[in-house]
Amino acid sequence: MKQTDGLFHQVFDEIAKEYPEIENEHWIIDIGAAKMADTPEAFDVIVMPNLYGDVLSDVAAQITGSVGLAGSANIGEECSMFEAIHGSAPRRAGQNVANPSGLLQEPL
């Protein structure tokens, strides 16, 4: 992972230099996930590639109660998208069991 995630890491370092007042650290995904599960209060913001973000956002949501309770933000330069992290939950369609809290609590 140190090699294959190299471009992401390189760009992160370049952007981080523009914000010297913000502390930044690098964690390989396995130990970063363990640290997030053990001491989530150590993190204010976590920046990672999409796959890692998808996995760890589900883990973080489950630790705090349920993936059904958490919202997600994908923020770009031209547009943004907000959704529940569990997605559309098609397996729950028509069963009247889905929890809409992750959608209702979305930031504006």
PDB file of N, CA and C in Angstrom:
ATOM      1  N   MET A   1       0.813  -1.183   0.000  1.00  0.00           N
ATOM      2  CA  MET A   1       0.000   0.000   0.000  1.00  0.00           C
ATOM      3  C   MET A   1       0.869   1.264   0.000  1.00  0.00           C
ATOM      4  N   LYS A   2       2.028   1.162   0.609  1.00  0.00           N
ATOM      5  CA  LYS A   2       2.909   2.330   0.601  1.00  0.00           C
ATOM      6  C   LYS A   2       3.244   2.729  -0.829  1.00  0.00           C
ATOM      7  N   GLN A   3       3.359   1.739  -1.717  1.00  0.00           N
ATOM      8  CA  GLN A   3       3.687   2.029  -3.112  1.00  0.00           C
ATOM      9  C   GLN A   3       2.449   2.368  -3.942  1.00  0.00           C
ATOM     10  N   THR A   4       1.396   1.573  -3.826  1.00  0.00           N
ATOM     11  CA  THR A   4       0.236   1.764  -4.688  1.00  0.00           C
ATOM     12  C   THR A   4      -0.565   3.010  -4.343  1.00  0.00           C
ATOM     13  N   ASP A   5      -0.502   3.469  -3.112  1.00  0.00           N
ATOM     14  CA  ASP A   5      -1.211   4.682  -2.725  1.00  0.00           C
ATOM     15  C   ASP A   5      -0.318   5.912  -2.836  1.00  0.00           C
ATOM     16  N   GLY A   6       0.797   5.752  -3.485  1.00  0.00           N
ATOM     17  CA  GLY A   6       1.800   6.807  -3.555  1.00  0.00           C
ATOM     18  C   GLY A   6       1.322   8.127  -4.124  1.00  0.00           C
ATOM     19  N   LEU A   7       0.556   8.106  -5.221  1.00  0.00           N
ATOM     20  CA  LEU A   7       0.098   9.354  -5.827  1.00  0.00           C
ATOM     21  C   LEU A   7      -0.833  10.106  -4.882  1.00  0.00           C
ATOM     22  N   PHE A   8      -1.743   9.393  -4.253  1.00  0.00           N
ATOM     23  CA  PHE A   8      -2.649  10.035  -3.296  1.00  0.00           C
ATOM     24  C   PHE A   8      -1.841  10.685  -2.175  1.00  0.00           C
ATOM     25  N   HIS A   9      -0.889   9.954  -1.649  1.00  0.00           N
ATOM     26  CA  HIS A   9      -0.034  10.439  -0.575  1.00  0.00           C
ATOM     27  C   HIS A   9       0.745  11.679  -1.021  1.00  0.00           C
ATOM     28  N   GLN A  10       1.285  11.624  -2.232  1.00  0.00           N
ATOM     29  CA  GLN A  10       2.060  12.740  -2.772  1.00  0.00           C
ATOM     30  C   GLN A  10       1.205  13.998  -2.905  1.00  0.00           C
ATOM     31  N   VAL A  11       0.027  13.860  -3.461  1.00  0.00           N
ATOM     32  CA  VAL A  11      -0.867  15.011  -3.631  1.00  0.00           C
ATOM     33  C   VAL A  11      -1.312  15.545  -2.275  1.00  0.00           C
ATOM     34  N   PHE A  12      -1.603  14.644  -1.342  1.00  0.00           N
ATOM     35  CA  PHE A  12      -1.967  15.069   0.013  1.00  0.00           C
ATOM     36  C   PHE A  12      -0.866  15.937   0.605  1.00  0.00           C
ATOM     37  N   ASP A  13       0.386  15.502   0.489  1.00  0.00           N
ATOM     38  CA  ASP A  13       1.505  16.272   1.027  1.00  0.00           C
ATOM     39  C   ASP A  13       1.616  17.641   0.364  1.00  0.00           C
ATOM     40  N   GLU A  14       1.392  17.700  -0.939  1.00  0.00           N
ATOM     41  CA  GLU A  14       1.462  18.971  -1.656  1.00  0.00           C
ATOM     42  C   GLU A  14       0.393  19.944  -1.160  1.00  0.00           C
ATOM     43  N   ILE A  15      -0.824  19.458  -1.012  1.00  0.00           N
ATOM     44  CA  ILE A  15      -1.920  20.307  -0.551  1.00  0.00           C
ATOM     45  C   ILE A  15      -1.715  20.693   0.910  1.00  0.00           C
ATOM     46  N   ALA A  16      -1.232  19.759   1.728  1.00  0.00           N
ATOM     47  CA  ALA A  16      -1.018  20.032   3.155  1.00  0.00           C
ATOM     48  C   ALA A  16      -0.047  21.188   3.357  1.00  0.00           C
ATOM     49  N   LYS A  17       0.925  21.341   2.482  1.00  0.00           N
ATOM     50  CA  LYS A  17       1.888  22.449   2.594  1.00  0.00           C
ATOM     51  C   LYS A  17       1.203  23.806   2.485  1.00  0.00           C
ATOM     52  N   GLU A  18       0.064  23.854   1.815  1.00  0.00           N
ATOM     53  CA  GLU A  18      -0.678  25.107   1.670  1.00  0.00           C
ATOM     54  C   GLU A  18      -1.413  25.492   2.952  1.00  0.00           C
ATOM     55  N   TYR A  19      -1.487  24.559   3.900  1.00  0.00           N
ATOM     56  CA  TYR A  19      -2.194  24.778   5.161  1.00  0.00           C
ATOM     57  C   TYR A  19      -1.309  24.379   6.340  1.00  0.00           C
ATOM     58  N   PRO A  20      -0.218  25.106   6.568  1.00  0.00           N
ATOM     59  CA  PRO A  20       0.729  24.704   7.615  1.00  0.00           C
ATOM     60  C   PRO A  20       0.133  24.750   9.025  1.00  0.00           C
ATOM     61  N   GLU A  21      -0.950  25.478   9.202  1.00  0.00           N
ATOM     62  CA  GLU A  21      -1.567  25.566  10.533  1.00  0.00           C
ATOM     63  C   GLU A  21      -2.393  24.326  10.887  1.00  0.00           C
ATOM     64  N   ILE A  22      -2.619  23.447   9.910  1.00  0.00           N
ATOM     65  CA  ILE A  22      -3.396  22.241  10.147  1.00  0.00           C
ATOM     66  C   ILE A  22      -2.449  21.052  10.303  1.00  0.00           C
ATOM     67  N   GLU A  23      -2.534  20.407  11.443  1.00  0.00           N
ATOM     68  CA  GLU A  23      -1.713  19.224  11.690  1.00  0.00           C
ATOM     69  C   GLU A  23      -2.175  18.088  10.779  1.00  0.00           C
ATOM     70  N   ASN A  24      -1.243  17.367  10.203  1.00  0.00           N
ATOM     71  CA  ASN A  24      -1.596  16.216   9.364  1.00  0.00           C
ATOM     72  C   ASN A  24      -0.654  15.061   9.645  1.00  0.00           C
ATOM     73  N   GLU A  25      -1.209  13.878   9.552  1.00  0.00           N
ATOM     74  CA  GLU A  25      -0.449  12.654   9.770  1.00  0.00           C
ATOM     75  C   GLU A  25      -0.831  11.650   8.692  1.00  0.00           C
ATOM     76  N   HIS A  26       0.064  10.723   8.445  1.00  0.00           N
ATOM     77  CA  HIS A  26      -0.210   9.637   7.505  1.00  0.00           C
ATOM     78  C   HIS A  26      -0.321   8.337   8.283  1.00  0.00           C
ATOM     79  N   TRP A  27      -1.364   7.574   7.966  1.00  0.00           N
ATOM     80  CA  TRP A  27      -1.551   6.266   8.571  1.00  0.00           C
ATOM     81  C   TRP A  27      -1.837   5.283   7.450  1.00  0.00           C
ATOM     82  N   ILE A  28      -1.176   4.141   7.462  1.00  0.00           N
ATOM     83  CA  ILE A  28      -1.525   3.068   6.540  1.00  0.00           C
ATOM     84  C   ILE A  28      -2.900   2.575   6.979  1.00  0.00           C
ATOM     85  N   ILE A  29      -3.710   2.141   6.044  1.00  0.00           N
ATOM     86  CA  ILE A  29      -5.122   1.862   6.299  1.00  0.00           C
ATOM     87  C   ILE A  29      -5.359   0.898   7.457  1.00  0.00           C
ATOM     88  N   ASP A  30      -4.545  -0.120   7.613  1.00  0.00           N
ATOM     89  CA  ASP A  30      -4.817  -1.089   8.678  1.00  0.00           C
ATOM     90  C   ASP A  30      -4.640  -0.489  10.068  1.00  0.00           C
ATOM     91  N   ILE A  31      -3.534   0.187  10.304  1.00  0.00           N
ATOM     92  CA  ILE A  31      -3.327   0.780  11.626  1.00  0.00           C
ATOM     93  C   ILE A  31      -4.213   2.009  11.807  1.00  0.00           C
ATOM     94  N   GLY A  32      -4.506   2.715  10.715  1.00  0.00           N
ATOM     95  CA  GLY A  32      -5.434   3.846  10.806  1.00  0.00           C
ATOM     96  C   GLY A  32      -6.828   3.395  11.213  1.00  0.00           C
ATOM     97  N   ALA A  33      -7.274   2.267  10.670  1.00  0.00           N
ATOM     98  CA  ALA A  33      -8.580   1.719  11.036  1.00  0.00           C
ATOM     99  C   ALA A  33      -8.588   1.295  12.502  1.00  0.00           C
ATOM    100  N   ALA A  34      -7.513   0.673  12.940  1.00  0.00           N
ATOM    101  CA  ALA A  34      -7.425   0.257  14.342  1.00  0.00           C
ATOM    102  C   ALA A  34      -7.440   1.474  15.263  1.00  0.00           C
ATOM    103  N   LYS A  35      -6.714   2.507  14.882  1.00  0.00           N
ATOM    104  CA  LYS A  35      -6.682   3.732  15.698  1.00  0.00           C
ATOM    105  C   LYS A  35      -8.053   4.398  15.716  1.00  0.00           C
ATOM    106  N   MET A  36      -8.746   4.405  14.576  1.00  0.00           N
ATOM    107  CA  MET A  36     -10.077   5.000  14.529  1.00  0.00           C
ATOM    108  C   MET A  36     -11.044   4.234  15.432  1.00  0.00           C
ATOM    109  N   ALA A  37     -10.952   2.905  15.451  1.00  0.00           N
ATOM    110  CA  ALA A  37     -11.832   2.098  16.289  1.00  0.00           C
ATOM    111  C   ALA A  37     -11.497   2.263  17.768  1.00  0.00           C
ATOM    112  N   ASP A  38     -10.220   2.424  18.072  1.00  0.00           N
ATOM    113  CA  ASP A  38      -9.764   2.507  19.454  1.00  0.00           C
ATOM    114  C   ASP A  38      -9.902   3.911  20.041  1.00  0.00           C
ATOM    115  N   THR A  39      -9.498   4.922  19.272  1.00  0.00           N
ATOM    116  CA  THR A  39      -9.518   6.304  19.770  1.00  0.00           C
ATOM    117  C   THR A  39     -10.050   7.246  18.689  1.00  0.00           C
ATOM    118  N   PRO A  40     -11.338   7.142  18.375  1.00  0.00           N
ATOM    119  CA  PRO A  40     -11.893   7.978  17.307  1.00  0.00           C
ATOM    120  C   PRO A  40     -11.791   9.475  17.597  1.00  0.00           C
ATOM    121  N   GLU A  41     -11.714   9.835  18.870  1.00  0.00           N
ATOM    122  CA  GLU A  41     -11.602  11.261  19.212  1.00  0.00           C
ATOM    123  C   GLU A  41     -10.284  11.876  18.762  1.00  0.00           C
ATOM    124  N   ALA A  42      -9.336  11.067  18.338  1.00  0.00           N
ATOM    125  CA  ALA A  42      -8.051  11.572  17.850  1.00  0.00           C
ATOM    126  C   ALA A  42      -8.176  12.187  16.460  1.00  0.00           C
ATOM    127  N   PHE A  43      -9.304  11.955  15.799  1.00  0.00           N
ATOM    128  CA  PHE A  43      -9.479  12.424  14.422  1.00  0.00           C
ATOM    129  C   PHE A  43     -10.537  13.527  14.345  1.00  0.00           C
ATOM    130  N   ASP A  44     -10.216  14.571  13.627  1.00  0.00           N
ATOM    131  CA  ASP A  44     -11.208  15.600  13.292  1.00  0.00           C
ATOM    132  C   ASP A  44     -11.714  15.377  11.874  1.00  0.00           C
ATOM    133  N   VAL A  45     -10.795  15.136  10.965  1.00  0.00           N
ATOM    134  CA  VAL A  45     -11.105  14.890   9.551  1.00  0.00           C
ATOM    135  C   VAL A  45     -10.204  13.760   9.085  1.00  0.00           C
ATOM    136  N   ILE A  46     -10.765  12.879   8.274  1.00  0.00           N
ATOM    137  CA  ILE A  46      -9.968  11.796   7.702  1.00  0.00           C
ATOM    138  C   ILE A  46     -10.061  11.924   6.186  1.00  0.00           C
ATOM    139  N   VAL A  47      -8.915  12.002   5.533  1.00  0.00           N
ATOM    140  CA  VAL A  47      -8.848  12.133   4.077  1.00  0.00           C
ATOM    141  C   VAL A  47      -8.247  10.847   3.538  1.00  0.00           C
ATOM    142  N   MET A  48      -8.965  10.215   2.593  1.00  0.00           N
ATOM    143  CA  MET A  48      -8.472   8.945   2.052  1.00  0.00           C
ATOM    144  C   MET A  48      -9.081   8.683   0.688  1.00  0.00           C
ATOM    145  N   PRO A  49      -8.510   7.758  -0.055  1.00  0.00           N
ATOM    146  CA  PRO A  49      -9.109   7.370  -1.337  1.00  0.00           C
ATOM    147  C   PRO A  49     -10.499   6.758  -1.127  1.00  0.00           C
ATOM    148  N   ASN A  50     -11.277   6.709  -2.175  1.00  0.00           N
ATOM    149  CA  ASN A  50     -12.679   6.303  -2.108  1.00  0.00           C
ATOM    150  C   ASN A  50     -12.895   4.936  -1.456  1.00  0.00           C
ATOM    151  N   LEU A  51     -12.163   3.931  -1.847  1.00  0.00           N
ATOM    152  CA  LEU A  51     -12.385   2.594  -1.292  1.00  0.00           C
ATOM    153  C   LEU A  51     -12.181   2.583   0.216  1.00  0.00           C
ATOM    154  N   TYR A  52     -11.082   3.154   0.681  1.00  0.00           N
ATOM    155  CA  TYR A  52     -10.824   3.195   2.114  1.00  0.00           C
ATOM    156  C   TYR A  52     -11.910   4.007   2.820  1.00  0.00           C
ATOM    157  N   GLY A  53     -12.299   5.121   2.213  1.00  0.00           N
ATOM    158  CA  GLY A  53     -13.334   5.957   2.799  1.00  0.00           C
ATOM    159  C   GLY A  53     -14.652   5.232   2.934  1.00  0.00           C
ATOM    160  N   ASP A  54     -14.997   4.447   1.933  1.00  0.00           N
ATOM    161  CA  ASP A  54     -16.243   3.693   1.972  1.00  0.00           C
ATOM    162  C   ASP A  54     -16.223   2.678   3.113  1.00  0.00           C
ATOM    163  N   VAL A  55     -15.130   1.959   3.235  1.00  0.00           N
ATOM    164  CA  VAL A  55     -15.025   0.939   4.282  1.00  0.00           C
ATOM    165  C   VAL A  55     -15.014   1.589   5.668  1.00  0.00           C
ATOM    166  N   LEU A  56     -14.155   2.581   5.875  1.00  0.00           N
ATOM    167  CA  LEU A  56     -14.025   3.159   7.209  1.00  0.00           C
ATOM    168  C   LEU A  56     -15.227   4.004   7.613  1.00  0.00           C
ATOM    169  N   SER A  57     -15.937   4.599   6.660  1.00  0.00           N
ATOM    170  CA  SER A  57     -17.146   5.342   7.039  1.00  0.00           C
ATOM    171  C   SER A  57     -18.209   4.377   7.552  1.00  0.00           C
ATOM    172  N   ASP A  58     -18.296   3.186   6.967  1.00  0.00           N
ATOM    173  CA  ASP A  58     -19.237   2.183   7.478  1.00  0.00           C
ATOM    174  C   ASP A  58     -18.822   1.700   8.869  1.00  0.00           C
ATOM    175  N   VAL A  59     -17.537   1.487   9.072  1.00  0.00           N
ATOM    176  CA  VAL A  59     -17.054   1.058  10.384  1.00  0.00           C
ATOM    177  C   VAL A  59     -17.336   2.141  11.429  1.00  0.00           C
ATOM    178  N   ALA A  60     -17.026   3.385  11.100  1.00  0.00           N
ATOM    179  CA  ALA A  60     -17.265   4.482  12.043  1.00  0.00           C
ATOM    180  C   ALA A  60     -18.746   4.618  12.370  1.00  0.00           C
ATOM    181  N   ALA A  61     -19.591   4.488  11.365  1.00  0.00           N
ATOM    182  CA  ALA A  61     -21.035   4.580  11.598  1.00  0.00           C
ATOM    183  C   ALA A  61     -21.519   3.447  12.479  1.00  0.00           C
ATOM    184  N   GLN A  62     -21.036   2.251  12.243  1.00  0.00           N
ATOM    185  CA  GLN A  62     -21.466   1.109  13.038  1.00  0.00           C
ATOM    186  C   GLN A  62     -21.005   1.246  14.483  1.00  0.00           C
ATOM    187  N   ILE A  63     -19.804   1.769  14.693  1.00  0.00           N
ATOM    188  CA  ILE A  63     -19.292   1.985  16.045  1.00  0.00           C
ATOM    189  C   ILE A  63     -20.200   2.955  16.804  1.00  0.00           C
ATOM    190  N   THR A  64     -20.723   3.950  16.099  1.00  0.00           N
ATOM    191  CA  THR A  64     -21.551   4.964  16.751  1.00  0.00           C
ATOM    192  C   THR A  64     -23.022   4.586  16.819  1.00  0.00           C
ATOM    193  N   GLY A  65     -23.402   3.448  16.287  1.00  0.00           N
ATOM    194  CA  GLY A  65     -24.792   3.019  16.412  1.00  0.00           C
ATOM    195  C   GLY A  65     -25.298   2.197  15.259  1.00  0.00           C
ATOM    196  N   SER A  66     -25.131   2.690  14.028  1.00  0.00           N
ATOM    197  CA  SER A  66     -25.658   1.967  12.870  1.00  0.00           C
ATOM    198  C   SER A  66     -25.306   2.717  11.595  1.00  0.00           C
ATOM    199  N   VAL A  67     -25.085   1.969  10.516  1.00  0.00           N
ATOM    200  CA  VAL A  67     -24.860   2.636   9.232  1.00  0.00           C
ATOM    201  C   VAL A  67     -26.110   3.379   8.787  1.00  0.00           C
ATOM    202  N   GLY A  68     -27.261   3.017   9.314  1.00  0.00           N
ATOM    203  CA  GLY A  68     -28.505   3.701   8.974  1.00  0.00           C
ATOM    204  C   GLY A  68     -28.636   5.073   9.585  1.00  0.00           C
ATOM    205  N   LEU A  69     -27.765   5.414  10.522  1.00  0.00           N
ATOM    206  CA  LEU A  69     -27.863   6.709  11.199  1.00  0.00           C
ATOM    207  C   LEU A  69     -26.905   7.760  10.656  1.00  0.00           C
ATOM    208  N   ALA A  70     -25.970   7.361   9.827  1.00  0.00           N
ATOM    209  CA  ALA A  70     -24.909   8.270   9.406  1.00  0.00           C
ATOM    210  C   ALA A  70     -25.132   8.831   8.014  1.00  0.00           C
ATOM    211  N   GLY A  71     -24.792  10.093   7.864  1.00  0.00           N
ATOM    212  CA  GLY A  71     -24.840  10.740   6.564  1.00  0.00           C
ATOM    213  C   GLY A  71     -23.452  10.808   5.953  1.00  0.00           C
ATOM    214  N   SER A  72     -23.403  11.103   4.676  1.00  0.00           N
ATOM    215  CA  SER A  72     -22.144  11.151   3.943  1.00  0.00           C
ATOM    216  C   SER A  72     -22.139  12.380   3.044  1.00  0.00           C
ATOM    217  N   ALA A  73     -20.966  12.952   2.854  1.00  0.00           N
ATOM    218  CA  ALA A  73     -20.823  14.097   1.957  1.00  0.00           C
ATOM    219  C   ALA A  73     -19.685  13.828   0.989  1.00  0.00           C
ATOM    220  N   ASN A  74     -19.952  13.964  -0.290  1.00  0.00           N
ATOM    221  CA  ASN A  74     -18.933  13.918  -1.333  1.00  0.00           C
ATOM    222  C   ASN A  74     -18.862  15.333  -1.882  1.00  0.00           C
ATOM    223  N   ILE A  75     -17.792  16.051  -1.557  1.00  0.00           N
ATOM    224  CA  ILE A  75     -17.713  17.471  -1.864  1.00  0.00           C
ATOM    225  C   ILE A  75     -16.661  17.703  -2.936  1.00  0.00           C
ATOM    226  N   GLY A  76     -17.088  18.260  -4.052  1.00  0.00           N
ATOM    227  CA  GLY A  76     -16.187  18.553  -5.155  1.00  0.00           C
ATOM    228  C   GLY A  76     -16.095  20.043  -5.412  1.00  0.00           C
ATOM    229  N   GLU A  77     -15.302  20.425  -6.373  1.00  0.00           N
ATOM    230  CA  GLU A  77     -15.124  21.836  -6.692  1.00  0.00           C
ATOM    231  C   GLU A  77     -16.357  22.431  -7.362  1.00  0.00           C
ATOM    232  N   GLU A  78     -17.088  21.622  -8.137  1.00  0.00           N
ATOM    233  CA  GLU A  78     -18.234  22.140  -8.881  1.00  0.00           C
ATOM    234  C   GLU A  78     -19.581  21.709  -8.307  1.00  0.00           C
ATOM    235  N   CYS A  79     -19.624  20.607  -7.602  1.00  0.00           N
ATOM    236  CA  CYS A  79     -20.884  20.155  -7.022  1.00  0.00           C
ATOM    237  C   CYS A  79     -20.600  19.252  -5.830  1.00  0.00           C
ATOM    238  N   SER A  80     -21.633  19.016  -5.055  1.00  0.00           N
ATOM    239  CA  SER A  80     -21.529  18.150  -3.893  1.00  0.00           C
ATOM    240  C   SER A  80     -22.727  17.221  -3.867  1.00  0.00           C
ATOM    241  N   MET A  81     -22.566  16.078  -3.190  1.00  0.00           N
ATOM    242  CA  MET A  81     -23.659  15.120  -3.063  1.00  0.00           C
ATOM    243  C   MET A  81     -23.703  14.648  -1.614  1.00  0.00           C
ATOM    244  N   PHE A  82     -24.894  14.655  -1.042  1.00  0.00           N
ATOM    245  CA  PHE A  82     -25.084  14.203   0.325  1.00  0.00           C
ATOM    246  C   PHE A  82     -26.034  13.020   0.303  1.00  0.00           C
ATOM    247  N   GLU A  83     -25.707  11.989   1.070  1.00  0.00           N
ATOM    248  CA  GLU A  83     -26.547  10.794   1.094  1.00  0.00           C
ATOM    249  C   GLU A  83     -26.319  10.034   2.388  1.00  0.00           C
ATOM    250  N   ALA A  84     -27.203   9.096   2.675  1.00  0.00           N
ATOM    251  CA  ALA A  84     -26.960   8.182   3.782  1.00  0.00           C
ATOM    252  C   ALA A  84     -25.819   7.266   3.366  1.00  0.00           C
ATOM    253  N   ILE A  85     -24.947   6.907   4.285  1.00  0.00           N
ATOM    254  CA  ILE A  85     -23.790   6.098   3.877  1.00  0.00           C
ATOM    255  C   ILE A  85     -24.171   4.706   3.455  1.00  0.00           C
ATOM    256  N   HIS A  86     -25.345   4.240   3.856  1.00  0.00           N
ATOM    257  CA  HIS A  86     -25.745   2.894   3.463  1.00  0.00           C
ATOM    258  C   HIS A  86     -26.263   2.844   2.034  1.00  0.00           C
ATOM    259  N   GLY A  87     -26.378   3.984   1.367  1.00  0.00           N
ATOM    260  CA  GLY A  87     -26.890   4.012  -0.004  1.00  0.00           C
ATOM    261  C   GLY A  87     -28.394   3.841  -0.026  1.00  0.00           C
ATOM    262  N   SER A  88     -28.905   3.276  -1.084  1.00  0.00           N
ATOM    263  CA  SER A  88     -30.356   3.190  -1.265  1.00  0.00           C
ATOM    264  C   SER A  88     -30.997   2.005  -0.550  1.00  0.00           C
ATOM    265  N   ALA A  89     -30.231   1.051  -0.082  1.00  0.00           N
ATOM    266  CA  ALA A  89     -30.717  -0.121   0.663  1.00  0.00           C
ATOM    267  C   ALA A  89     -31.835  -0.859  -0.067  1.00  0.00           C
ATOM    268  N   PRO A  90     -31.607  -1.314  -1.304  1.00  0.00           N
ATOM    269  CA  PRO A  90     -32.667  -1.983  -2.067  1.00  0.00           C
ATOM    270  C   PRO A  90     -33.193  -3.258  -1.404  1.00  0.00           C
ATOM    271  N   ARG A  91     -32.389  -3.904  -0.567  1.00  0.00           N
ATOM    272  CA  ARG A  91     -32.872  -5.113   0.126  1.00  0.00           C
ATOM    273  C   ARG A  91     -33.970  -4.792   1.136  1.00  0.00           C
ATOM    274  N   ARG A  92     -34.084  -3.522   1.506  1.00  0.00           N
ATOM    275  CA  ARG A  92     -35.094  -3.118   2.490  1.00  0.00           C
ATOM    276  C   ARG A  92     -36.362  -2.568   1.834  1.00  0.00           C
ATOM    277  N   ALA A  93     -36.341  -2.432   0.517  1.00  0.00           N
ATOM    278  CA  ALA A  93     -37.482  -1.838  -0.193  1.00  0.00           C
ATOM    279  C   ALA A  93     -38.770  -2.607   0.073  1.00  0.00           C
ATOM    280  N   GLY A  94     -39.829  -1.857   0.354  1.00  0.00           N
ATOM    281  CA  GLY A  94     -41.144  -2.447   0.535  1.00  0.00           C
ATOM    282  C   GLY A  94     -41.371  -3.173   1.841  1.00  0.00           C
ATOM    283  N   GLN A  95     -40.383  -3.169   2.745  1.00  0.00           N
ATOM    284  CA  GLN A  95     -40.521  -3.895   4.011  1.00  0.00           C
ATOM    285  C   GLN A  95     -40.905  -2.991   5.182  1.00  0.00           C
ATOM    286  N   ASN A  96     -40.882  -1.689   4.971  1.00  0.00           N
ATOM    287  CA  ASN A  96     -41.204  -0.720   6.022  1.00  0.00           C
ATOM    288  C   ASN A  96     -40.287  -0.877   7.242  1.00  0.00           C
ATOM    289  N   VAL A  97     -38.994  -1.152   6.993  1.00  0.00           N
ATOM    290  CA  VAL A  97     -38.045  -1.330   8.080  1.00  0.00           C
ATOM    291  C   VAL A  97     -36.832  -0.399   7.980  1.00  0.00           C
ATOM    292  N   ALA A  98     -36.701   0.328   6.900  1.00  0.00           N
ATOM    293  CA  ALA A  98     -35.538   1.202   6.715  1.00  0.00           C
ATOM    294  C   ALA A  98     -35.615   2.382   7.684  1.00  0.00           C
ATOM    295  N   ASN A  99     -34.479   2.790   8.198  1.00  0.00           N
ATOM    296  CA  ASN A  99     -34.395   3.929   9.103  1.00  0.00           C
ATOM    297  C   ASN A  99     -33.918   5.133   8.292  1.00  0.00           C
ATOM    298  N   PRO A 100     -34.739   6.167   8.134  1.00  0.00           N
ATOM    299  CA  PRO A 100     -34.369   7.322   7.307  1.00  0.00           C
ATOM    300  C   PRO A 100     -33.486   8.340   8.024  1.00  0.00           C
ATOM    301  N   SER A 101     -33.051   8.074   9.227  1.00  0.00           N
ATOM    302  CA  SER A 101     -32.313   9.069  10.013  1.00  0.00           C
ATOM    303  C   SER A 101     -31.072   9.594   9.301  1.00  0.00           C
ATOM    304  N   GLY A 102     -30.370   8.719   8.592  1.00  0.00           N
ATOM    305  CA  GLY A 102     -29.159   9.161   7.879  1.00  0.00           C
ATOM    306  C   GLY A 102     -29.458  10.190   6.818  1.00  0.00           C
ATOM    307  N   LEU A 103     -30.650  10.180   6.246  1.00  0.00           N
ATOM    308  CA  LEU A 103     -31.046  11.174   5.269  1.00  0.00           C
ATOM    309  C   LEU A 103     -31.590  12.430   5.927  1.00  0.00           C
ATOM    310  N   LEU A 104     -32.303  12.279   7.001  1.00  0.00           N
ATOM    311  CA  LEU A 104     -32.938  13.412   7.668  1.00  0.00           C
ATOM    312  C   LEU A 104     -31.934  14.319   8.359  1.00  0.00           C
ATOM    313  N   GLN A 105     -30.787  13.766   8.730  1.00  0.00           N
ATOM    314  CA  GLN A 105     -29.793  14.538   9.459  1.00  0.00           C
ATOM    315  C   GLN A 105     -28.701  15.105   8.552  1.00  0.00           C
ATOM    316  N   GLU A 106     -28.908  15.070   7.239  1.00  0.00           N
ATOM    317  CA  GLU A 106     -27.893  15.562   6.312  1.00  0.00           C
ATOM    318  C   GLU A 106     -27.612  17.036   6.548  1.00  0.00           C
ATOM    319  N   PRO A 107     -26.337  17.431   6.472  1.00  0.00           N
ATOM    320  CA  PRO A 107     -25.968  18.856   6.621  1.00  0.00           C
ATOM    321  C   PRO A 107     -26.420  19.640   5.387  1.00  0.00           C
ATOM    322  N   LEU A 108     -26.733  20.872   5.592  1.00  0.00           N
ATOM    323  CA  LEU A 108     -27.125  21.740   4.459  1.00  0.00           C
ATOM    324  C   LEU A 108     -26.046  22.708   4.114  1.00  0.00           C
TER     325      LEU A 108
END
